[in-house]
Amino acid sequence: LTNQPFSDISILENHHCYVAFTTLFDADCNFLENLSNEEFKEFRSTTISLILSTDMANHFTTVAKFQTRLQTGTLSSENKEDRQLLMNTVL
């Protein structure tokens, strides 16, 4: 466990990120190998954000941010950050 890149924040979620990507690159399940570098970076970033959003320490902040965006009418499917916020909230 000493080689795993965990911080002191969201320890369990960081572990899940580590295991997910280790598993993807280990065996026959690497469906990411055909992605371009840019597509892979986007997938990795999105996946990490989704996993970290499951930390209940961030739950109320995420929900409040989502509710504010809905109330102000500024939530847009064209906005990358808004799409990520929606996915994090749904998950």
PDB file of N, CA and C in Angstrom:
ATOM      1  N   LEU A   1       0.803  -1.204   0.000  1.00  0.00           N
ATOM      2  CA  LEU A   1       0.000   0.000   0.000  1.00  0.00           C
ATOM      3  C   LEU A   1       0.840   1.260   0.000  1.00  0.00           C
ATOM      4  N   THR A   2       2.105   1.167   0.265  1.00  0.00           N
ATOM      5  CA  THR A   2       2.926   2.373   0.361  1.00  0.00           C
ATOM      6  C   THR A   2       3.131   3.060  -0.983  1.00  0.00           C
ATOM      7  N   ASN A   3       2.950   2.362  -2.095  1.00  0.00           N
ATOM      8  CA  ASN A   3       3.135   2.955  -3.416  1.00  0.00           C
ATOM      9  C   ASN A   3       1.867   3.602  -3.965  1.00  0.00           C
ATOM     10  N   GLN A   4       0.768   3.514  -3.229  1.00  0.00           N
ATOM     11  CA  GLN A   4      -0.482   4.064  -3.721  1.00  0.00           C
ATOM     12  C   GLN A   4      -0.531   5.563  -3.428  1.00  0.00           C
ATOM     13  N   PRO A   5      -0.915   6.360  -4.432  1.00  0.00           N
ATOM     14  CA  PRO A   5      -0.849   7.819  -4.327  1.00  0.00           C
ATOM     15  C   PRO A   5      -2.064   8.432  -3.624  1.00  0.00           C
ATOM     16  N   PHE A   6      -2.222   8.167  -2.320  1.00  0.00           N
ATOM     17  CA  PHE A   6      -3.364   8.701  -1.595  1.00  0.00           C
ATOM     18  C   PHE A   6      -2.983  10.008  -0.910  1.00  0.00           C
ATOM     19  N   SER A   7      -3.956  10.869  -0.792  1.00  0.00           N
ATOM     20  CA  SER A   7      -3.778  12.049   0.033  1.00  0.00           C
ATOM     21  C   SER A   7      -4.542  11.797   1.321  1.00  0.00           C
ATOM     22  N   ASP A   8      -4.539  12.763   2.204  1.00  0.00           N
ATOM     23  CA  ASP A   8      -5.288  12.619   3.452  1.00  0.00           C
ATOM     24  C   ASP A   8      -6.737  13.039   3.292  1.00  0.00           C
ATOM     25  N   ILE A   9      -7.131  13.375   2.078  1.00  0.00           N
ATOM     26  CA  ILE A   9      -8.499  13.789   1.784  1.00  0.00           C
ATOM     27  C   ILE A   9      -9.134  12.714   0.904  1.00  0.00           C
ATOM     28  N   SER A  10     -10.356  12.341   1.212  1.00  0.00           N
ATOM     29  CA  SER A  10     -11.092  11.337   0.427  1.00  0.00           C
ATOM     30  C   SER A  10     -10.254  10.074   0.231  1.00  0.00           C
ATOM     31  N   ILE A  11      -9.770   9.531   1.319  1.00  0.00           N
ATOM     32  CA  ILE A  11      -8.849   8.390   1.256  1.00  0.00           C
ATOM     33  C   ILE A  11      -9.474   7.197   0.542  1.00  0.00           C
ATOM     34  N   LEU A  12     -10.676   6.839   0.912  1.00  0.00           N
ATOM     35  CA  LEU A  12     -11.334   5.690   0.293  1.00  0.00           C
ATOM     36  C   LEU A  12     -11.582   5.935  -1.194  1.00  0.00           C
ATOM     37  N   GLU A  13     -12.023   7.128  -1.530  1.00  0.00           N
ATOM     38  CA  GLU A  13     -12.310   7.471  -2.923  1.00  0.00           C
ATOM     39  C   GLU A  13     -11.030   7.499  -3.751  1.00  0.00           C
ATOM     40  N   ASN A  14      -9.932   8.008  -3.179  1.00  0.00           N
ATOM     41  CA  ASN A  14      -8.650   7.983  -3.877  1.00  0.00           C
ATOM     42  C   ASN A  14      -8.204   6.552  -4.123  1.00  0.00           C
ATOM     43  N   HIS A  15      -8.441   5.694  -3.161  1.00  0.00           N
ATOM     44  CA  HIS A  15      -8.115   4.271  -3.333  1.00  0.00           C
ATOM     45  C   HIS A  15      -8.939   3.675  -4.478  1.00  0.00           C
ATOM     46  N   HIS A  16     -10.221   4.041  -4.551  1.00  0.00           N
ATOM     47  CA  HIS A  16     -11.070   3.530  -5.626  1.00  0.00           C
ATOM     48  C   HIS A  16     -10.562   3.987  -6.994  1.00  0.00           C
ATOM     49  N   CYS A  17     -10.104   5.221  -7.090  1.00  0.00           N
ATOM     50  CA  CYS A  17      -9.515   5.712  -8.348  1.00  0.00           C
ATOM     51  C   CYS A  17      -8.291   4.885  -8.725  1.00  0.00           C
ATOM     52  N   TYR A  18      -7.432   4.677  -7.752  1.00  0.00           N
ATOM     53  CA  TYR A  18      -6.218   3.910  -7.980  1.00  0.00           C
ATOM     54  C   TYR A  18      -6.542   2.499  -8.466  1.00  0.00           C
ATOM     55  N   VAL A  19      -7.453   1.835  -7.790  1.00  0.00           N
ATOM     56  CA  VAL A  19      -7.816   0.462  -8.149  1.00  0.00           C
ATOM     57  C   VAL A  19      -8.480   0.420  -9.523  1.00  0.00           C
ATOM     58  N   ALA A  20      -9.351   1.386  -9.794  1.00  0.00           N
ATOM     59  CA  ALA A  20     -10.046   1.410 -11.087  1.00  0.00           C
ATOM     60  C   ALA A  20      -9.047   1.499 -12.244  1.00  0.00           C
ATOM     61  N   PHE A  21      -8.125   2.439 -12.160  1.00  0.00           N
ATOM     62  CA  PHE A  21      -7.185   2.607 -13.267  1.00  0.00           C
ATOM     63  C   PHE A  21      -6.131   1.507 -13.304  1.00  0.00           C
ATOM     64  N   THR A  22      -5.753   0.977 -12.160  1.00  0.00           N
ATOM     65  CA  THR A  22      -4.833  -0.167 -12.139  1.00  0.00           C
ATOM     66  C   THR A  22      -5.485  -1.363 -12.819  1.00  0.00           C
ATOM     67  N   THR A  23      -6.751  -1.583 -12.530  1.00  0.00           N
ATOM     68  CA  THR A  23      -7.488  -2.698 -13.132  1.00  0.00           C
ATOM     69  C   THR A  23      -7.619  -2.508 -14.635  1.00  0.00           C
ATOM     70  N   LEU A  24      -7.927  -1.301 -15.060  1.00  0.00           N
ATOM     71  CA  LEU A  24      -8.089  -1.037 -16.491  1.00  0.00           C
ATOM     72  C   LEU A  24      -6.811  -1.315 -17.279  1.00  0.00           C
ATOM     73  N   PHE A  25      -5.672  -1.009 -16.690  1.00  0.00           N
ATOM     74  CA  PHE A  25      -4.417  -1.181 -17.409  1.00  0.00           C
ATOM     75  C   PHE A  25      -3.795  -2.555 -17.235  1.00  0.00           C
ATOM     76  N   ASP A  26      -4.294  -3.322 -16.293  1.00  0.00           N
ATOM     77  CA  ASP A  26      -3.702  -4.617 -15.977  1.00  0.00           C
ATOM     78  C   ASP A  26      -4.033  -5.717 -16.975  1.00  0.00           C
ATOM     79  N   ALA A  27      -5.286  -5.913 -17.242  1.00  0.00           N
ATOM     80  CA  ALA A  27      -5.705  -7.145 -17.911  1.00  0.00           C
ATOM     81  C   ALA A  27      -6.343  -6.876 -19.260  1.00  0.00           C
ATOM     82  N   ASP A  28      -7.221  -7.757 -19.619  1.00  0.00           N
ATOM     83  CA  ASP A  28      -7.895  -7.700 -20.908  1.00  0.00           C
ATOM     84  C   ASP A  28      -9.024  -6.679 -20.946  1.00  0.00           C
ATOM     85  N   CYS A  29      -9.184  -5.915 -19.893  1.00  0.00           N
ATOM     86  CA  CYS A  29     -10.320  -4.991 -19.847  1.00  0.00           C
ATOM     87  C   CYS A  29      -9.923  -3.566 -20.212  1.00  0.00           C
ATOM     88  N   ASN A  30      -8.773  -3.367 -20.829  1.00  0.00           N
ATOM     89  CA  ASN A  30      -8.339  -2.021 -21.181  1.00  0.00           C
ATOM     90  C   ASN A  30      -9.036  -1.548 -22.454  1.00  0.00           C
ATOM     91  N   PHE A  31     -10.255  -1.080 -22.306  1.00  0.00           N
ATOM     92  CA  PHE A  31     -11.004  -0.563 -23.450  1.00  0.00           C
ATOM     93  C   PHE A  31     -10.571   0.868 -23.787  1.00  0.00           C
ATOM     94  N   LEU A  32      -9.625   1.401 -23.022  1.00  0.00           N
ATOM     95  CA  LEU A  32      -9.167   2.775 -23.229  1.00  0.00           C
ATOM     96  C   LEU A  32      -7.988   2.868 -24.193  1.00  0.00           C
ATOM     97  N   GLU A  33      -7.421   1.762 -24.574  1.00  0.00           N
ATOM     98  CA  GLU A  33      -6.188   1.778 -25.355  1.00  0.00           C
ATOM     99  C   GLU A  33      -6.339   2.446 -26.722  1.00  0.00           C
ATOM    100  N   ASN A  34      -7.541   2.499 -27.250  1.00  0.00           N
ATOM    101  CA  ASN A  34      -7.750   3.105 -28.564  1.00  0.00           C
ATOM    102  C   ASN A  34      -8.126   4.582 -28.497  1.00  0.00           C
ATOM    103  N   LEU A  35      -8.183   5.137 -27.294  1.00  0.00           N
ATOM    104  CA  LEU A  35      -8.497   6.560 -27.152  1.00  0.00           C
ATOM    105  C   LEU A  35      -7.271   7.400 -27.480  1.00  0.00           C
ATOM    106  N   SER A  36      -7.505   8.569 -28.026  1.00  0.00           N
ATOM    107  CA  SER A  36      -6.403   9.511 -28.231  1.00  0.00           C
ATOM    108  C   SER A  36      -5.964  10.037 -26.865  1.00  0.00           C
ATOM    109  N   ASN A  37      -4.829  10.699 -26.813  1.00  0.00           N
ATOM    110  CA  ASN A  37      -4.346  11.271 -25.549  1.00  0.00           C
ATOM    111  C   ASN A  37      -5.363  12.238 -24.959  1.00  0.00           C
ATOM    112  N   GLU A  38      -5.952  13.059 -25.799  1.00  0.00           N
ATOM    113  CA  GLU A  38      -6.940  14.041 -25.341  1.00  0.00           C
ATOM    114  C   GLU A  38      -8.202  13.350 -24.820  1.00  0.00           C
ATOM    115  N   GLU A  39      -8.670  12.323 -25.526  1.00  0.00           N
ATOM    116  CA  GLU A  39      -9.847  11.580 -25.073  1.00  0.00           C
ATOM    117  C   GLU A  39      -9.572  10.865 -23.753  1.00  0.00           C
ATOM    118  N   PHE A  40      -8.360  10.306 -23.627  1.00  0.00           N
ATOM    119  CA  PHE A  40      -7.995   9.628 -22.388  1.00  0.00           C
ATOM    120  C   PHE A  40      -7.944  10.609 -21.228  1.00  0.00           C
ATOM    121  N   LYS A  41      -7.353  11.774 -21.428  1.00  0.00           N
ATOM    122  CA  LYS A  41      -7.289  12.790 -20.366  1.00  0.00           C
ATOM    123  C   LYS A  41      -8.690  13.195 -19.921  1.00  0.00           C
ATOM    124  N   GLU A  42      -9.591  13.362 -20.884  1.00  0.00           N
ATOM    125  CA  GLU A  42     -10.978  13.722 -20.577  1.00  0.00           C
ATOM    126  C   GLU A  42     -11.668  12.602 -19.791  1.00  0.00           C
ATOM    127  N   PHE A  43     -11.489  11.361 -20.233  1.00  0.00           N
ATOM    128  CA  PHE A  43     -12.081  10.219 -19.537  1.00  0.00           C
ATOM    129  C   PHE A  43     -11.546  10.125 -18.118  1.00  0.00           C
ATOM    130  N   ARG A  44     -10.236  10.222 -17.968  1.00  0.00           N
ATOM    131  CA  ARG A  44      -9.604  10.112 -16.644  1.00  0.00           C
ATOM    132  C   ARG A  44     -10.083  11.222 -15.715  1.00  0.00           C
ATOM    133  N   SER A  45     -10.095  12.432 -16.199  1.00  0.00           N
ATOM    134  CA  SER A  45     -10.544  13.567 -15.404  1.00  0.00           C
ATOM    135  C   SER A  45     -11.998  13.408 -14.957  1.00  0.00           C
ATOM    136  N   THR A  46     -12.850  13.023 -15.887  1.00  0.00           N
ATOM    137  CA  THR A  46     -14.270  12.818 -15.586  1.00  0.00           C
ATOM    138  C   THR A  46     -14.458  11.698 -14.573  1.00  0.00           C
ATOM    139  N   THR A  47     -13.765  10.592 -14.779  1.00  0.00           N
ATOM    140  CA  THR A  47     -13.881   9.440 -13.894  1.00  0.00           C
ATOM    141  C   THR A  47     -13.412   9.768 -12.484  1.00  0.00           C
ATOM    142  N   ILE A  48     -12.285  10.436 -12.370  1.00  0.00           N
ATOM    143  CA  ILE A  48     -11.764  10.813 -11.053  1.00  0.00           C
ATOM    144  C   ILE A  48     -12.732  11.751 -10.346  1.00  0.00           C
ATOM    145  N   SER A  49     -13.244  12.728 -11.061  1.00  0.00           N
ATOM    146  CA  SER A  49     -14.216  13.654 -10.476  1.00  0.00           C
ATOM    147  C   SER A  49     -15.456  12.919  -9.985  1.00  0.00           C
ATOM    148  N   LEU A  50     -15.938  11.973 -10.786  1.00  0.00           N
ATOM    149  CA  LEU A  50     -17.116  11.198 -10.391  1.00  0.00           C
ATOM    150  C   LEU A  50     -16.852  10.376  -9.130  1.00  0.00           C
ATOM    151  N   ILE A  51     -15.723   9.711  -9.087  1.00  0.00           N
ATOM    152  CA  ILE A  51     -15.407   8.881  -7.921  1.00  0.00           C
ATOM    153  C   ILE A  51     -15.236   9.755  -6.675  1.00  0.00           C
ATOM    154  N   LEU A  52     -14.510  10.859  -6.798  1.00  0.00           N
ATOM    155  CA  LEU A  52     -14.299  11.736  -5.645  1.00  0.00           C
ATOM    156  C   LEU A  52     -15.598  12.382  -5.181  1.00  0.00           C
ATOM    157  N   SER A  53     -16.546  12.546  -6.089  1.00  0.00           N
ATOM    158  CA  SER A  53     -17.827  13.154  -5.709  1.00  0.00           C
ATOM    159  C   SER A  53     -18.659  12.244  -4.808  1.00  0.00           C
ATOM    160  N   THR A  54     -18.270  10.975  -4.711  1.00  0.00           N
ATOM    161  CA  THR A  54     -19.018  10.064  -3.842  1.00  0.00           C
ATOM    162  C   THR A  54     -18.620  10.207  -2.376  1.00  0.00           C
ATOM    163  N   ASP A  55     -17.619  11.023  -2.094  1.00  0.00           N
ATOM    164  CA  ASP A  55     -17.225  11.296  -0.706  1.00  0.00           C
ATOM    165  C   ASP A  55     -18.320  12.131  -0.055  1.00  0.00           C
ATOM    166  N   MET A  56     -18.962  11.587   0.952  1.00  0.00           N
ATOM    167  CA  MET A  56     -20.084  12.269   1.593  1.00  0.00           C
ATOM    168  C   MET A  56     -19.664  13.567   2.285  1.00  0.00           C
ATOM    169  N   ALA A  57     -18.392  13.764   2.517  1.00  0.00           N
ATOM    170  CA  ALA A  57     -17.919  15.022   3.098  1.00  0.00           C
ATOM    171  C   ALA A  57     -18.170  16.187   2.139  1.00  0.00           C
ATOM    172  N   ASN A  58     -18.302  15.886   0.841  1.00  0.00           N
ATOM    173  CA  ASN A  58     -18.539  16.921  -0.171  1.00  0.00           C
ATOM    174  C   ASN A  58     -19.989  16.990  -0.623  1.00  0.00           C
ATOM    175  N   HIS A  59     -20.825  16.103  -0.115  1.00  0.00           N
ATOM    176  CA  HIS A  59     -22.195  15.972  -0.605  1.00  0.00           C
ATOM    177  C   HIS A  59     -22.988  17.282  -0.552  1.00  0.00           C
ATOM    178  N   PHE A  60     -23.029  17.910   0.597  1.00  0.00           N
ATOM    179  CA  PHE A  60     -23.867  19.095   0.747  1.00  0.00           C
ATOM    180  C   PHE A  60     -23.344  20.278  -0.064  1.00  0.00           C
ATOM    181  N   THR A  61     -22.046  20.357  -0.234  1.00  0.00           N
ATOM    182  CA  THR A  61     -21.462  21.405  -1.075  1.00  0.00           C
ATOM    183  C   THR A  61     -21.868  21.194  -2.526  1.00  0.00           C
ATOM    184  N   THR A  62     -21.794  19.963  -2.987  1.00  0.00           N
ATOM    185  CA  THR A  62     -22.171  19.644  -4.367  1.00  0.00           C
ATOM    186  C   THR A  62     -23.649  19.917  -4.607  1.00  0.00           C
ATOM    187  N   VAL A  63     -24.497  19.473  -3.688  1.00  0.00           N
ATOM    188  CA  VAL A  63     -25.935  19.683  -3.828  1.00  0.00           C
ATOM    189  C   VAL A  63     -26.262  21.176  -3.812  1.00  0.00           C
ATOM    190  N   ALA A  64     -25.639  21.925  -2.925  1.00  0.00           N
ATOM    191  CA  ALA A  64     -25.885  23.371  -2.851  1.00  0.00           C
ATOM    192  C   ALA A  64     -25.457  24.064  -4.136  1.00  0.00           C
ATOM    193  N   LYS A  65     -24.318  23.685  -4.665  1.00  0.00           N
ATOM    194  CA  LYS A  65     -23.841  24.272  -5.915  1.00  0.00           C
ATOM    195  C   LYS A  65     -24.805  23.958  -7.057  1.00  0.00           C
ATOM    196  N   PHE A  66     -25.269  22.719  -7.102  1.00  0.00           N
ATOM    197  CA  PHE A  66     -26.217  22.305  -8.141  1.00  0.00           C
ATOM    198  C   PHE A  66     -27.528  23.082  -8.013  1.00  0.00           C
ATOM    199  N   GLN A  67     -28.052  23.186  -6.815  1.00  0.00           N
ATOM    200  CA  GLN A  67     -29.303  23.917  -6.601  1.00  0.00           C
ATOM    201  C   GLN A  67     -29.159  25.386  -6.988  1.00  0.00           C
ATOM    202  N   THR A  68     -28.036  25.983  -6.660  1.00  0.00           N
ATOM    203  CA  THR A  68     -27.787  27.381  -7.034  1.00  0.00           C
ATOM    204  C   THR A  68     -27.777  27.543  -8.539  1.00  0.00           C
ATOM    205  N   ARG A  69     -27.110  26.623  -9.213  1.00  0.00           N
ATOM    206  CA  ARG A  69     -27.055  26.684 -10.685  1.00  0.00           C
ATOM    207  C   ARG A  69     -28.443  26.537 -11.291  1.00  0.00           C
ATOM    208  N   LEU A  70     -29.255  25.665 -10.718  1.00  0.00           N
ATOM    209  CA  LEU A  70     -30.621  25.486 -11.210  1.00  0.00           C
ATOM    210  C   LEU A  70     -31.463  26.738 -10.965  1.00  0.00           C
ATOM    211  N   GLN A  71     -31.352  27.318  -9.786  1.00  0.00           N
ATOM    212  CA  GLN A  71     -32.155  28.481  -9.416  1.00  0.00           C
ATOM    213  C   GLN A  71     -31.791  29.726 -10.211  1.00  0.00           C
ATOM    214  N   THR A  72     -30.524  29.839 -10.574  1.00  0.00           N
ATOM    215  CA  THR A  72     -30.106  31.008 -11.343  1.00  0.00           C
ATOM    216  C   THR A  72     -30.307  30.810 -12.838  1.00  0.00           C
ATOM    217  N   GLY A  73     -30.664  29.589 -13.213  1.00  0.00           N
ATOM    218  CA  GLY A  73     -30.929  29.307 -14.620  1.00  0.00           C
ATOM    219  C   GLY A  73     -29.695  29.299 -15.489  1.00  0.00           C
ATOM    220  N   THR A  74     -28.538  29.091 -14.881  1.00  0.00           N
ATOM    221  CA  THR A  74     -27.294  29.130 -15.646  1.00  0.00           C
ATOM    222  C   THR A  74     -26.722  27.752 -15.956  1.00  0.00           C
ATOM    223  N   LEU A  75     -27.435  26.693 -15.601  1.00  0.00           N
ATOM    224  CA  LEU A  75     -26.973  25.334 -15.880  1.00  0.00           C
ATOM    225  C   LEU A  75     -27.146  25.050 -17.371  1.00  0.00           C
ATOM    226  N   SER A  76     -26.055  24.688 -18.036  1.00  0.00           N
ATOM    227  CA  SER A  76     -26.091  24.497 -19.480  1.00  0.00           C
ATOM    228  C   SER A  76     -25.395  23.199 -19.876  1.00  0.00           C
ATOM    229  N   SER A  77     -26.019  22.454 -20.765  1.00  0.00           N
ATOM    230  CA  SER A  77     -25.404  21.218 -21.254  1.00  0.00           C
ATOM    231  C   SER A  77     -24.199  21.505 -22.146  1.00  0.00           C
ATOM    232  N   GLU A  78     -24.070  22.743 -22.596  1.00  0.00           N
ATOM    233  CA  GLU A  78     -22.933  23.136 -23.435  1.00  0.00           C
ATOM    234  C   GLU A  78     -21.676  23.403 -22.608  1.00  0.00           C
ATOM    235  N   ASN A  79     -21.860  23.600 -21.305  1.00  0.00           N
ATOM    236  CA  ASN A  79     -20.756  23.943 -20.410  1.00  0.00           C
ATOM    237  C   ASN A  79     -20.183  22.669 -19.794  1.00  0.00           C
ATOM    238  N   LYS A  80     -18.883  22.447 -19.981  1.00  0.00           N
ATOM    239  CA  LYS A  80     -18.214  21.240 -19.488  1.00  0.00           C
ATOM    240  C   LYS A  80     -18.334  21.118 -17.967  1.00  0.00           C
ATOM    241  N   GLU A  81     -18.142  22.217 -17.251  1.00  0.00           N
ATOM    242  CA  GLU A  81     -18.238  22.190 -15.791  1.00  0.00           C
ATOM    243  C   GLU A  81     -19.656  21.860 -15.330  1.00  0.00           C
ATOM    244  N   ASP A  82     -20.651  22.374 -16.033  1.00  0.00           N
ATOM    245  CA  ASP A  82     -22.041  22.073 -15.697  1.00  0.00           C
ATOM    246  C   ASP A  82     -22.364  20.601 -15.932  1.00  0.00           C
ATOM    247  N   ARG A  83     -21.852  20.049 -17.013  1.00  0.00           N
ATOM    248  CA  ARG A  83     -22.076  18.627 -17.288  1.00  0.00           C
ATOM    249  C   ARG A  83     -21.446  17.776 -16.186  1.00  0.00           C
ATOM    250  N   GLN A  84     -20.220  18.158 -15.766  1.00  0.00           N
ATOM    251  CA  GLN A  84     -19.546  17.408 -14.699  1.00  0.00           C
ATOM    252  C   GLN A  84     -20.322  17.535 -13.400  1.00  0.00           C
ATOM    253  N   LEU A  85     -20.813  18.739 -13.090  1.00  0.00           N
ATOM    254  CA  LEU A  85     -21.602  18.943 -11.874  1.00  0.00           C
ATOM    255  C   LEU A  85     -22.859  18.079 -11.902  1.00  0.00           C
ATOM    256  N   LEU A  86     -23.524  18.014 -13.027  1.00  0.00           N
ATOM    257  CA  LEU A  86     -24.721  17.188 -13.159  1.00  0.00           C
ATOM    258  C   LEU A  86     -24.398  15.710 -12.941  1.00  0.00           C
ATOM    259  N   MET A  87     -23.331  15.230 -13.573  1.00  0.00           N
ATOM    260  CA  MET A  87     -22.953  13.826 -13.401  1.00  0.00           C
ATOM    261  C   MET A  87     -22.588  13.527 -11.949  1.00  0.00           C
ATOM    262  N   ASN A  88     -21.832  14.435 -11.315  1.00  0.00           N
ATOM    263  CA  ASN A  88     -21.454  14.246  -9.920  1.00  0.00           C
ATOM    264  C   ASN A  88     -22.683  14.204  -9.017  1.00  0.00           C
ATOM    265  N   THR A  89     -23.649  15.072  -9.309  1.00  0.00           N
ATOM    266  CA  THR A  89     -24.868  15.144  -8.504  1.00  0.00           C
ATOM    267  C   THR A  89     -25.704  13.880  -8.671  1.00  0.00           C
ATOM    268  N   VAL A  90     -25.838  13.424  -9.888  1.00  0.00           N
ATOM    269  CA  VAL A  90     -26.626  12.228 -10.160  1.00  0.00           C
ATOM    270  C   VAL A  90     -25.996  10.999  -9.508  1.00  0.00           C
ATOM    271  N   LEU A  91     -24.678  10.903  -9.620  1.00  0.00           N
ATOM    272  CA  LEU A  91     -23.993   9.751  -9.036  1.00  0.00           C
ATOM    273  C   LEU A  91     -24.089   9.778  -7.533  1.00  0.00           C
TER     274      LEU A  91
END
